[in-house]
């Protein structure tokens, strides 16, 4: 299992990189990214079913982060970055982010 501090550090690094991508993106780019992520979620739900309400509640009311949650946060923010880089055709960023995804497991 990954060390919690590693997952939190990855999350912080991914988050900073994604903030830079978002700042350099247009409103239309961000909207397209949101649509594609919504499509991915819909595909997931179609294949695996609805996420339990308690999962959403946990993320909205989180006060501390355990190992599993830290890994999910890091993975989620990384997927956002990859999707946004794809929408904005930033091939260099896509490659860097995908390499990070591979390194994070």
C-alpha atoms as a PDB file:
ATOM      1  CA  UNK A   1       0.000   0.000   0.000  1.00  0.00           C
ATOM      2  CA  UNK A   2       1.227   3.507  -0.792  1.00  0.00           C
ATOM      3  CA  UNK A   3       2.267   5.730   2.046  1.00  0.00           C
ATOM      4  CA  UNK A   4      -0.366   8.359   2.874  1.00  0.00           C
ATOM      5  CA  UNK A   5       2.148  11.198   2.812  1.00  0.00           C
ATOM      6  CA  UNK A   6       3.197  10.091  -0.698  1.00  0.00           C
ATOM      7  CA  UNK A   7      -0.418  10.173  -1.923  1.00  0.00           C
ATOM      8  CA  UNK A   8      -1.027  13.576  -0.357  1.00  0.00           C
ATOM      9  CA  UNK A   9       2.190  14.935  -1.835  1.00  0.00           C
ATOM     10  CA  UNK A  10       1.197  13.578  -5.270  1.00  0.00           C
ATOM     11  CA  UNK A  11      -2.215  15.191  -4.869  1.00  0.00           C
ATOM     12  CA  UNK A  12      -0.641  18.566  -4.035  1.00  0.00           C
ATOM     13  CA  UNK A  13       1.711  18.343  -7.025  1.00  0.00           C
ATOM     14  CA  UNK A  14      -1.048  17.256  -9.412  1.00  0.00           C
ATOM     15  CA  UNK A  15      -3.340  19.968  -8.037  1.00  0.00           C
ATOM     16  CA  UNK A  16      -0.771  22.715  -8.676  1.00  0.00           C
ATOM     17  CA  UNK A  17      -0.150  21.460 -12.218  1.00  0.00           C
ATOM     18  CA  UNK A  18      -3.868  21.247 -12.930  1.00  0.00           C
ATOM     19  CA  UNK A  19      -4.397  24.792 -11.607  1.00  0.00           C
ATOM     20  CA  UNK A  20      -1.820  26.014 -14.129  1.00  0.00           C
ATOM     21  CA  UNK A  21      -3.583  24.137 -16.942  1.00  0.00           C
ATOM     22  CA  UNK A  22      -6.935  25.560 -15.867  1.00  0.00           C
ATOM     23  CA  UNK A  23      -5.606  29.112 -15.686  1.00  0.00           C
ATOM     24  CA  UNK A  24      -4.353  28.796 -19.266  1.00  0.00           C
ATOM     25  CA  UNK A  25      -7.631  27.299 -20.527  1.00  0.00           C
ATOM     26  CA  UNK A  26     -10.642  29.042 -21.974  1.00  0.00           C
ATOM     27  CA  UNK A  27     -14.123  28.773 -20.525  1.00  0.00           C
ATOM     28  CA  UNK A  28     -15.043  26.629 -23.527  1.00  0.00           C
ATOM     29  CA  UNK A  29     -12.105  24.277 -22.871  1.00  0.00           C
ATOM     30  CA  UNK A  30     -13.158  23.867 -19.247  1.00  0.00           C
ATOM     31  CA  UNK A  31     -16.758  23.218 -20.291  1.00  0.00           C
ATOM     32  CA  UNK A  32     -15.659  20.566 -22.790  1.00  0.00           C
ATOM     33  CA  UNK A  33     -13.507  18.928 -20.122  1.00  0.00           C
ATOM     34  CA  UNK A  34     -16.473  18.849 -17.736  1.00  0.00           C
ATOM     35  CA  UNK A  35     -18.675  17.289 -20.429  1.00  0.00           C
ATOM     36  CA  UNK A  36     -16.112  14.571 -21.149  1.00  0.00           C
ATOM     37  CA  UNK A  37     -15.628  13.790 -17.469  1.00  0.00           C
ATOM     38  CA  UNK A  38     -19.422  13.611 -17.074  1.00  0.00           C
ATOM     39  CA  UNK A  39     -19.508  11.188 -20.009  1.00  0.00           C
ATOM     40  CA  UNK A  40     -16.837   9.045 -18.322  1.00  0.00           C
ATOM     41  CA  UNK A  41     -18.865   9.000 -15.108  1.00  0.00           C
ATOM     42  CA  UNK A  42     -22.002   8.023 -17.010  1.00  0.00           C
ATOM     43  CA  UNK A  43     -20.138   5.143 -18.667  1.00  0.00           C
ATOM     44  CA  UNK A  44     -18.880   4.004 -15.281  1.00  0.00           C
ATOM     45  CA  UNK A  45     -22.390   4.081 -13.824  1.00  0.00           C
ATOM     46  CA  UNK A  46     -23.763   2.203 -16.817  1.00  0.00           C
ATOM     47  CA  UNK A  47     -21.191  -0.540 -16.396  1.00  0.00           C
ATOM     48  CA  UNK A  48     -20.901  -0.727 -12.594  1.00  0.00           C
ATOM     49  CA  UNK A  49     -23.996   0.967 -11.233  1.00  0.00           C
ATOM     50  CA  UNK A  50     -24.611   4.052  -9.178  1.00  0.00           C
ATOM     51  CA  UNK A  51     -21.965   5.153  -6.710  1.00  0.00           C
ATOM     52  CA  UNK A  52     -23.242   4.887  -3.157  1.00  0.00           C
ATOM     53  CA  UNK A  53     -24.495   8.189  -1.758  1.00  0.00           C
ATOM     54  CA  UNK A  54     -22.138   7.753   1.202  1.00  0.00           C
ATOM     55  CA  UNK A  55     -19.155   8.034  -1.183  1.00  0.00           C
ATOM     56  CA  UNK A  56     -20.281  11.480  -2.287  1.00  0.00           C
ATOM     57  CA  UNK A  57     -21.099  12.520   1.263  1.00  0.00           C
ATOM     58  CA  UNK A  58     -17.661  11.423   2.454  1.00  0.00           C
ATOM     59  CA  UNK A  59     -15.910  13.550  -0.150  1.00  0.00           C
ATOM     60  CA  UNK A  60     -18.074  16.595   0.611  1.00  0.00           C
ATOM     61  CA  UNK A  61     -17.605  16.406   4.365  1.00  0.00           C
ATOM     62  CA  UNK A  62     -14.063  15.077   4.604  1.00  0.00           C
ATOM     63  CA  UNK A  63     -12.112  16.242   7.623  1.00  0.00           C
ATOM     64  CA  UNK A  64      -9.157  13.866   7.440  1.00  0.00           C
ATOM     65  CA  UNK A  65      -7.665  11.755   4.695  1.00  0.00           C
ATOM     66  CA  UNK A  66      -6.906   8.061   4.999  1.00  0.00           C
ATOM     67  CA  UNK A  67      -4.729   6.054   2.588  1.00  0.00           C
ATOM     68  CA  UNK A  68      -7.583   5.051   0.284  1.00  0.00           C
ATOM     69  CA  UNK A  69      -9.023   8.566   0.090  1.00  0.00           C
ATOM     70  CA  UNK A  70      -5.592  10.077  -0.557  1.00  0.00           C
ATOM     71  CA  UNK A  71      -5.072   7.706  -3.465  1.00  0.00           C
ATOM     72  CA  UNK A  72      -8.516   8.524  -4.883  1.00  0.00           C
ATOM     73  CA  UNK A  73      -7.902  12.275  -4.602  1.00  0.00           C
ATOM     74  CA  UNK A  74      -4.553  11.991  -6.374  1.00  0.00           C
ATOM     75  CA  UNK A  75      -5.982   9.755  -9.092  1.00  0.00           C
ATOM     76  CA  UNK A  76      -9.022  11.974  -9.653  1.00  0.00           C
ATOM     77  CA  UNK A  77      -7.094  15.214  -9.958  1.00  0.00           C
ATOM     78  CA  UNK A  78      -4.650  13.513 -12.318  1.00  0.00           C
ATOM     79  CA  UNK A  79      -7.496  12.313 -14.563  1.00  0.00           C
ATOM     80  CA  UNK A  80      -8.839  15.873 -14.640  1.00  0.00           C
ATOM     81  CA  UNK A  81      -5.447  17.103 -15.789  1.00  0.00           C
ATOM     82  CA  UNK A  82      -5.132  14.488 -18.503  1.00  0.00           C
ATOM     83  CA  UNK A  83      -8.613  15.262 -19.810  1.00  0.00           C
ATOM     84  CA  UNK A  84      -7.980  19.015 -19.793  1.00  0.00           C
ATOM     85  CA  UNK A  85      -4.634  18.579 -21.564  1.00  0.00           C
ATOM     86  CA  UNK A  86      -6.368  16.467 -24.210  1.00  0.00           C
ATOM     87  CA  UNK A  87      -9.136  19.026 -24.718  1.00  0.00           C
ATOM     88  CA  UNK A  88      -6.586  21.826 -25.144  1.00  0.00           C
ATOM     89  CA  UNK A  89      -4.298  19.674 -27.326  1.00  0.00           C
ATOM     90  CA  UNK A  90      -1.279  20.070 -25.049  1.00  0.00           C
ATOM     91  CA  UNK A  91       0.501  16.906 -26.088  1.00  0.00           C
ATOM     92  CA  UNK A  92       3.550  17.606 -23.938  1.00  0.00           C
ATOM     93  CA  UNK A  93       1.353  17.942 -20.833  1.00  0.00           C
ATOM     94  CA  UNK A  94      -0.601  14.797 -21.732  1.00  0.00           C
ATOM     95  CA  UNK A  95       2.613  12.784 -21.908  1.00  0.00           C
ATOM     96  CA  UNK A  96       3.902  14.194 -18.606  1.00  0.00           C
ATOM     97  CA  UNK A  97       0.611  13.552 -16.807  1.00  0.00           C
ATOM     98  CA  UNK A  98       0.252  10.035 -18.212  1.00  0.00           C
ATOM     99  CA  UNK A  99       3.792   9.298 -17.045  1.00  0.00           C
ATOM    100  CA  UNK A 100       2.800  10.488 -13.567  1.00  0.00           C
ATOM    101  CA  UNK A 101      -0.254   8.242 -13.671  1.00  0.00           C
ATOM    102  CA  UNK A 102       1.960   5.293 -14.549  1.00  0.00           C
ATOM    103  CA  UNK A 103       4.356   6.157 -11.735  1.00  0.00           C
ATOM    104  CA  UNK A 104       1.537   6.463  -9.216  1.00  0.00           C
ATOM    105  CA  UNK A 105       0.206   2.991  -9.845  1.00  0.00           C
END
